[in-house]
Structure formats: structure tokens, C-alpha cells
PDB file of N, CA and C in Angstrom:
ATOM      1  N   MET A   1     -26.774   5.028-161.274  1.00  0.00           N
ATOM      2  CA  MET A   1     -26.948   3.931-160.326  1.00  0.00           C
ATOM      3  C   MET A   1     -27.251   2.658-161.120  1.00  0.00           C
ATOM      4  N   SER A   2     -26.539   1.584-160.831  1.00  0.00           N
ATOM      5  CA  SER A   2     -26.771   0.332-161.539  1.00  0.00           C
ATOM      6  C   SER A   2     -27.903  -0.447-160.893  1.00  0.00           C
ATOM      7  N   VAL A   3     -28.569  -1.224-161.716  1.00  0.00           N
ATOM      8  CA  VAL A   3     -29.685  -2.036-161.241  1.00  0.00           C
ATOM      9  C   VAL A   3     -29.199  -3.469-161.095  1.00  0.00           C
ATOM     10  N   VAL A   4     -29.446  -4.064-159.955  1.00  0.00           N
ATOM     11  CA  VAL A   4     -29.056  -5.445-159.699  1.00  0.00           C
ATOM     12  C   VAL A   4     -30.300  -6.312-159.796  1.00  0.00           C
ATOM     13  N   HIS A   5     -30.242  -7.289-160.673  1.00  0.00           N
ATOM     14  CA  HIS A   5     -31.359  -8.223-160.815  1.00  0.00           C
ATOM     15  C   HIS A   5     -31.027  -9.478-160.028  1.00  0.00           C
ATOM     16  N   GLN A   6     -31.873  -9.813-159.112  1.00  0.00           N
ATOM     17  CA  GLN A   6     -31.649 -11.000-158.294  1.00  0.00           C
ATOM     18  C   GLN A   6     -32.499 -12.149-158.812  1.00  0.00           C
ATOM     19  N   VAL A   7     -31.863 -13.293-158.927  1.00  0.00           N
ATOM     20  CA  VAL A   7     -32.564 -14.502-159.338  1.00  0.00           C
ATOM     21  C   VAL A   7     -32.908 -15.271-158.075  1.00  0.00           C
ATOM     22  N   PRO A   8     -34.164 -15.657-157.898  1.00  0.00           N
ATOM     23  CA  PRO A   8     -34.520 -16.401-156.676  1.00  0.00           C
ATOM     24  C   PRO A   8     -33.800 -17.744-156.627  1.00  0.00           C
ATOM     25  N   PHE A   9     -33.380 -18.114-155.453  1.00  0.00           N
ATOM     26  CA  PHE A   9     -32.693 -19.387-155.238  1.00  0.00           C
ATOM     27  C   PHE A   9     -33.743 -20.443-154.946  1.00  0.00           C
ATOM     28  N   ASN A  10     -33.816 -21.443-155.785  1.00  0.00           N
ATOM     29  CA  ASN A  10     -34.813 -22.495-155.635  1.00  0.00           C
ATOM     30  C   ASN A  10     -34.215 -23.635-154.818  1.00  0.00           C
ATOM     31  N   LEU A  11     -34.610 -23.734-153.578  1.00  0.00           N
ATOM     32  CA  LEU A  11     -34.111 -24.774-152.682  1.00  0.00           C
ATOM     33  C   LEU A  11     -35.168 -25.865-152.599  1.00  0.00           C
ATOM     34  N   SER A  12     -35.068 -26.820-153.497  1.00  0.00           N
ATOM     35  CA  SER A  12     -36.069 -27.878-153.555  1.00  0.00           C
ATOM     36  C   SER A  12     -35.791 -28.956-152.514  1.00  0.00           C
ATOM     37  N   ALA A  13     -36.820 -29.710-152.186  1.00  0.00           N
ATOM     38  CA  ALA A  13     -36.690 -30.793-151.207  1.00  0.00           C
ATOM     39  C   ALA A  13     -35.687 -31.832-151.688  1.00  0.00           C
ATOM     40  N   SER A  14     -35.662 -32.107-152.991  1.00  0.00           N
ATOM     41  CA  SER A  14     -34.720 -33.112-153.500  1.00  0.00           C
ATOM     42  C   SER A  14     -33.279 -32.629-153.340  1.00  0.00           C
ATOM     43  N   LEU A  15     -33.056 -31.338-153.520  1.00  0.00           N
ATOM     44  CA  LEU A  15     -31.715 -30.792-153.321  1.00  0.00           C
ATOM     45  C   LEU A  15     -31.304 -30.895-151.861  1.00  0.00           C
ATOM     46  N   VAL A  16     -32.208 -30.600-150.967  1.00  0.00           N
ATOM     47  CA  VAL A  16     -31.917 -30.680-149.532  1.00  0.00           C
ATOM     48  C   VAL A  16     -31.587 -32.112-149.137  1.00  0.00           C
ATOM     49  N   ARG A  17     -32.298 -33.080-149.697  1.00  0.00           N
ATOM     50  CA  ARG A  17     -32.037 -34.491-149.370  1.00  0.00           C
ATOM     51  C   ARG A  17     -30.648 -34.927-149.824  1.00  0.00           C
ATOM     52  N   GLU A  18     -30.117 -34.293-150.857  1.00  0.00           N
ATOM     53  CA  GLU A  18     -28.800 -34.655-151.380  1.00  0.00           C
ATOM     54  C   GLU A  18     -27.652 -34.042-150.581  1.00  0.00           C
ATOM     55  N   LEU A  19     -27.949 -33.075-149.728  1.00  0.00           N
ATOM     56  CA  LEU A  19     -26.898 -32.429-148.951  1.00  0.00           C
ATOM     57  C   LEU A  19     -26.268 -33.404-147.964  1.00  0.00           C
ATOM     58  N   LYS A  20     -24.967 -33.339-147.863  1.00  0.00           N
ATOM     59  CA  LYS A  20     -24.233 -34.180-146.916  1.00  0.00           C
ATOM     60  C   LYS A  20     -24.025 -33.397-145.622  1.00  0.00           C
ATOM     61  N   PRO A  21     -23.984 -34.098-144.490  1.00  0.00           N
ATOM     62  CA  PRO A  21     -23.723 -33.403-143.222  1.00  0.00           C
ATOM     63  C   PRO A  21     -22.330 -32.766-143.231  1.00  0.00           C
ATOM     64  N   SER A  22     -22.198 -31.680-142.536  1.00  0.00           N
ATOM     65  CA  SER A  22     -20.914 -30.988-142.434  1.00  0.00           C
ATOM     66  C   SER A  22     -19.959 -31.803-141.572  1.00  0.00           C
ATOM     67  N   PRO A  23     -18.772 -32.155-142.096  1.00  0.00           N
ATOM     68  CA  PRO A  23     -17.793 -32.883-141.282  1.00  0.00           C
ATOM     69  C   PRO A  23     -17.389 -32.103-140.030  1.00  0.00           C
ATOM     70  N   THR A  24     -17.287 -30.789-140.148  1.00  0.00           N
ATOM     71  CA  THR A  24     -16.906 -29.969-138.998  1.00  0.00           C
ATOM     72  C   THR A  24     -17.962 -30.041-137.909  1.00  0.00           C
ATOM     73  N   LEU A  25     -19.225 -29.927-138.288  1.00  0.00           N
ATOM     74  CA  LEU A  25     -20.291 -30.010-137.292  1.00  0.00           C
ATOM     75  C   LEU A  25     -20.337 -31.392-136.655  1.00  0.00           C
ATOM     76  N   TYR A  26     -20.096 -32.445-137.455  1.00  0.00           N
ATOM     77  CA  TYR A  26     -20.075 -33.800-136.902  1.00  0.00           C
ATOM     78  C   TYR A  26     -18.977 -33.929-135.845  1.00  0.00           C
ATOM     79  N   ILE A  27     -17.799 -33.415-136.169  1.00  0.00           N
ATOM     80  CA  ILE A  27     -16.685 -33.492-135.215  1.00  0.00           C
ATOM     81  C   ILE A  27     -17.038 -32.752-133.932  1.00  0.00           C
ATOM     82  N   ASN A  28     -17.607 -31.549-134.068  1.00  0.00           N
ATOM     83  CA  ASN A  28     -17.990 -30.784-132.877  1.00  0.00           C
ATOM     84  C   ASN A  28     -19.021 -31.529-132.037  1.00  0.00           C
ATOM     85  N   GLU A  29     -20.014 -32.137-132.689  1.00  0.00           N
ATOM     86  CA  GLU A  29     -21.022 -32.910-131.956  1.00  0.00           C
ATOM     87  C   GLU A  29     -20.388 -34.106-131.257  1.00  0.00           C
ATOM     88  N   ARG A  30     -19.473 -34.775-131.944  1.00  0.00           N
ATOM     89  CA  ARG A  30     -18.801 -35.948-131.367  1.00  0.00           C
ATOM     90  C   ARG A  30     -17.942 -35.545-130.168  1.00  0.00           C
ATOM     91  N   VAL A  31     -17.208 -34.452-130.298  1.00  0.00           N
ATOM     92  CA  VAL A  31     -16.378 -33.961-129.198  1.00  0.00           C
ATOM     93  C   VAL A  31     -17.252 -33.626-127.996  1.00  0.00           C
ATOM     94  N   ASN A  32     -18.361 -32.932-128.231  1.00  0.00           N
ATOM     95  CA  ASN A  32     -19.265 -32.587-127.126  1.00  0.00           C
ATOM     96  C   ASN A  32     -19.825 -33.832-126.457  1.00  0.00           C
ATOM     97  N   ALA A  33     -20.160 -34.848-127.247  1.00  0.00           N
ATOM     98  CA  ALA A  33     -20.668 -36.098-126.680  1.00  0.00           C
ATOM     99  C   ALA A  33     -19.601 -36.776-125.829  1.00  0.00           C
ATOM    100  N   MET A  34     -18.373 -36.790-126.308  1.00  0.00           N
ATOM    101  CA  MET A  34     -17.284 -37.416-125.556  1.00  0.00           C
ATOM    102  C   MET A  34     -17.016 -36.657-124.261  1.00  0.00           C
ATOM    103  N   TRP A  35     -17.066 -35.322-124.319  1.00  0.00           N
ATOM    104  CA  TRP A  35     -16.898 -34.524-123.102  1.00  0.00           C
ATOM    105  C   TRP A  35     -18.005 -34.836-122.099  1.00  0.00           C
ATOM    106  N   SER A  36     -19.243 -34.964-122.593  1.00  0.00           N
ATOM    107  CA  SER A  36     -20.358 -35.240-121.679  1.00  0.00           C
ATOM    108  C   SER A  36     -20.245 -36.630-121.062  1.00  0.00           C
ATOM    109  N   GLU A  37     -19.507 -37.529-121.726  1.00  0.00           N
ATOM    110  CA  GLU A  37     -19.255 -38.868-121.183  1.00  0.00           C
ATOM    111  C   GLU A  37     -18.069 -38.869-120.228  1.00  0.00           C
ATOM    112  N   GLY A  38     -17.444 -37.711-120.040  1.00  0.00           N
ATOM    113  CA  GLY A  38     -16.318 -37.607-119.123  1.00  0.00           C
ATOM    114  C   GLY A  38     -14.974 -37.933-119.739  1.00  0.00           C
ATOM    115  N   GLN A  39     -14.925 -38.092-121.055  1.00  0.00           N
ATOM    116  CA  GLN A  39     -13.663 -38.419-121.716  1.00  0.00           C
ATOM    117  C   GLN A  39     -12.810 -37.162-121.878  1.00  0.00           C
ATOM    118  N   THR A  40     -11.512 -37.355-121.869  1.00  0.00           N
ATOM    119  CA  THR A  40     -10.589 -36.257-122.119  1.00  0.00           C
ATOM    120  C   THR A  40     -10.403 -36.127-123.621  1.00  0.00           C
ATOM    121  N   VAL A  41     -10.716 -34.958-124.143  1.00  0.00           N
ATOM    122  CA  VAL A  41     -10.584 -34.700-125.576  1.00  0.00           C
ATOM    123  C   VAL A  41      -9.853 -33.373-125.748  1.00  0.00           C
ATOM    124  N   TYR A  42      -8.815 -33.386-126.551  1.00  0.00           N
ATOM    125  CA  TYR A  42      -8.097 -32.158-126.873  1.00  0.00           C
ATOM    126  C   TYR A  42      -8.608 -31.676-128.229  1.00  0.00           C
ATOM    127  N   HIS A  43      -9.602 -30.827-128.182  1.00  0.00           N
ATOM    128  CA  HIS A  43     -10.280 -30.355-129.390  1.00  0.00           C
ATOM    129  C   HIS A  43      -9.517 -29.159-129.958  1.00  0.00           C
ATOM    130  N   LEU A  44      -8.839 -29.375-131.071  1.00  0.00           N
ATOM    131  CA  LEU A  44      -8.000 -28.330-131.647  1.00  0.00           C
ATOM    132  C   LEU A  44      -8.695 -27.566-132.769  1.00  0.00           C
ATOM    133  N   GLY A  45      -9.891 -27.969-133.125  1.00  0.00           N
ATOM    134  CA  GLY A  45     -10.619 -27.293-134.195  1.00  0.00           C
ATOM    135  C   GLY A  45     -11.437 -26.149-133.648  1.00  0.00           C
ATOM    136  N   PHE A  46     -10.780 -25.055-133.314  1.00  0.00           N
ATOM    137  CA  PHE A  46     -11.469 -23.956-132.652  1.00  0.00           C
ATOM    138  C   PHE A  46     -11.833 -22.820-133.600  1.00  0.00           C
ATOM    139  N   GLY A  47     -11.624 -22.996-134.899  1.00  0.00           N
ATOM    140  CA  GLY A  47     -11.987 -21.944-135.840  1.00  0.00           C
ATOM    141  C   GLY A  47     -10.947 -20.842-135.892  1.00  0.00           C
ATOM    142  N   GLU A  48     -11.408 -19.633-136.052  1.00  0.00           N
ATOM    143  CA  GLU A  48     -10.505 -18.497-136.175  1.00  0.00           C
ATOM    144  C   GLU A  48      -9.890 -18.169-134.823  1.00  0.00           C
ATOM    145  N   SER A  49      -8.582 -18.179-134.793  1.00  0.00           N
ATOM    146  CA  SER A  49      -7.872 -17.898-133.552  1.00  0.00           C
ATOM    147  C   SER A  49      -7.824 -16.402-133.284  1.00  0.00           C
ATOM    148  N   ARG A  50      -7.976 -16.039-132.044  1.00  0.00           N
ATOM    149  CA  ARG A  50      -7.839 -14.626-131.679  1.00  0.00           C
ATOM    150  C   ARG A  50      -6.389 -14.289-131.352  1.00  0.00           C
ATOM    151  N   PHE A  51      -5.518 -15.293-131.415  1.00  0.00           N
ATOM    152  CA  PHE A  51      -4.110 -15.097-131.095  1.00  0.00           C
ATOM    153  C   PHE A  51      -3.299 -14.954-132.382  1.00  0.00           C
ATOM    154  N   PRO A  52      -2.231 -14.159-132.364  1.00  0.00           N
ATOM    155  CA  PRO A  52      -1.399 -14.015-133.564  1.00  0.00           C
ATOM    156  C   PRO A  52      -0.615 -15.299-133.847  1.00  0.00           C
ATOM    157  N   VAL A  53      -0.311 -15.498-135.121  1.00  0.00           N
ATOM    158  CA  VAL A  53       0.489 -16.661-135.520  1.00  0.00           C
ATOM    159  C   VAL A  53       1.944 -16.376-135.162  1.00  0.00           C
ATOM    160  N   HIS A  54       2.598 -17.358-134.537  1.00  0.00           N
ATOM    161  CA  HIS A  54       3.990 -17.210-134.109  1.00  0.00           C
ATOM    162  C   HIS A  54       4.861 -16.882-135.324  1.00  0.00           C
ATOM    163  N   PRO A  55       5.822 -15.963-135.170  1.00  0.00           N
ATOM    164  CA  PRO A  55       6.687 -15.566-136.289  1.00  0.00           C
ATOM    165  C   PRO A  55       7.407 -16.734-136.971  1.00  0.00           C
ATOM    166  N   LYS A  56       7.829 -17.751-136.220  1.00  0.00           N
ATOM    167  CA  LYS A  56       8.511 -18.902-136.836  1.00  0.00           C
ATOM    168  C   LYS A  56       7.544 -19.696-137.714  1.00  0.00           C
ATOM    169  N   ILE A  57       6.292 -19.785-137.291  1.00  0.00           N
ATOM    170  CA  ILE A  57       5.287 -20.480-138.108  1.00  0.00           C
ATOM    171  C   ILE A  57       4.997 -19.658-139.358  1.00  0.00           C
ATOM    172  N   GLN A  58       4.910 -18.341-139.220  1.00  0.00           N
ATOM    173  CA  GLN A  58       4.709 -17.471-140.380  1.00  0.00           C
ATOM    174  C   GLN A  58       5.826 -17.664-141.400  1.00  0.00           C
ATOM    175  N   ALA A  59       7.071 -17.715-140.918  1.00  0.00           N
ATOM    176  CA  ALA A  59       8.221 -17.888-141.812  1.00  0.00           C
ATOM    177  C   ALA A  59       8.168 -19.236-142.518  1.00  0.00           C
ATOM    178  N   ALA A  60       7.807 -20.287-141.785  1.00  0.00           N
ATOM    179  CA  ALA A  60       7.715 -21.622-142.389  1.00  0.00           C
ATOM    180  C   ALA A  60       6.606 -21.665-143.436  1.00  0.00           C
ATOM    181  N   LEU A  61       5.496 -21.006-143.168  1.00  0.00           N
ATOM    182  CA  LEU A  61       4.410 -20.951-144.149  1.00  0.00           C
ATOM    183  C   LEU A  61       4.850 -20.211-145.408  1.00  0.00           C
ATOM    184  N   ARG A  62       5.537 -19.093-145.232  1.00  0.00           N
ATOM    185  CA  ARG A  62       6.027 -18.338-146.389  1.00  0.00           C
ATOM    186  C   ARG A  62       7.002 -19.179-147.217  1.00  0.00           C
ATOM    187  N   ALA A  63       7.875 -19.913-146.536  1.00  0.00           N
ATOM    188  CA  ALA A  63       8.891 -20.711-147.230  1.00  0.00           C
ATOM    189  C   ALA A  63       8.283 -21.888-147.986  1.00  0.00           C
ATOM    190  N   ASN A  64       7.087 -22.309-147.605  1.00  0.00           N
ATOM    191  CA  ASN A  64       6.490 -23.503-148.211  1.00  0.00           C
ATOM    192  C   ASN A  64       5.185 -23.233-148.937  1.00  0.00           C
ATOM    193  N   VAL A  65       4.882 -21.966-149.190  1.00  0.00           N
ATOM    194  CA  VAL A  65       3.608 -21.623-149.810  1.00  0.00           C
ATOM    195  C   VAL A  65       3.477 -22.219-151.221  1.00  0.00           C
ATOM    196  N   HIS A  66       4.588 -22.522-151.865  1.00  0.00           N
ATOM    197  CA  HIS A  66       4.570 -23.086-153.215  1.00  0.00           C
ATOM    198  C   HIS A  66       4.198 -24.573-153.229  1.00  0.00           C
ATOM    199  N   GLN A  67       4.217 -25.229-152.091  1.00  0.00           N
ATOM    200  CA  GLN A  67       3.911 -26.661-152.022  1.00  0.00           C
ATOM    201  C   GLN A  67       2.447 -26.892-152.394  1.00  0.00           C
ATOM    202  N   LYS A  68       2.206 -27.918-153.194  1.00  0.00           N
ATOM    203  CA  LYS A  68       0.843 -28.217-153.631  1.00  0.00           C
ATOM    204  C   LYS A  68       0.350 -29.567-153.140  1.00  0.00           C
ATOM    205  N   SER A  69       1.151 -30.265-152.381  1.00  0.00           N
ATOM    206  CA  SER A  69       0.731 -31.569-151.870  1.00  0.00           C
ATOM    207  C   SER A  69       1.410 -31.797-150.528  1.00  0.00           C
ATOM    208  N   TYR A  70       0.983 -32.857-149.853  1.00  0.00           N
ATOM    209  CA  TYR A  70       1.607 -33.186-148.580  1.00  0.00           C
ATOM    210  C   TYR A  70       3.060 -33.574-148.810  1.00  0.00           C
ATOM    211  N   LEU A  71       3.918 -33.172-147.908  1.00  0.00           N
ATOM    212  CA  LEU A  71       5.328 -33.515-148.028  1.00  0.00           C
ATOM    213  C   LEU A  71       5.536 -34.982-147.687  1.00  0.00           C
ATOM    214  N   ALA A  72       6.483 -35.606-148.361  1.00  0.00           N
ATOM    215  CA  ALA A  72       6.802 -37.004-148.067  1.00  0.00           C
ATOM    216  C   ALA A  72       7.355 -37.087-146.654  1.00  0.00           C
ATOM    217  N   GLY A  73       6.887 -38.079-145.917  1.00  0.00           N
ATOM    218  CA  GLY A  73       7.294 -38.183-144.528  1.00  0.00           C
ATOM    219  C   GLY A  73       8.323 -39.197-144.338  1.00  0.00           C
TER     220      GLY A  73
END
């Protein structure tokens, strides 16, 4: 049986102060605020989809997996 040595994670106050807010959480908060104001918002950032990816989208992803930058428009 191997022995695992764990090093304690030192979460100092100065490190916490340097953390930036999560852009995803900001967007979710903003969307919720807009909804509460009665605005129509089409929030597409729903995380992991429970629906399968359409076969045509799968094929397009496979065909372009080698791309490393945005395509010229």
C-alpha cells in the first residue's frame, strides 16, 4: 500500500484578495437581475447539456478539431 503525503493548502487573506470574480457567475447574476426586471433574456450558458449533440454538429467538430484559432469571417 502506498503512502500519500498531503501538503496543507495555505489560503492566505492576501491570496483571496487577489482572486478575480468568476465571469460565468457574473453573467448568471446579471441574467437573473435582468429577468427580475422583466427583461427578455435568452440565456444560452446552461452548462452541461442533458441532450445529445446533433450528428451534423459532431461531424463539423470532427472536421475542424485541428483549428487553433477563430476562423476568418
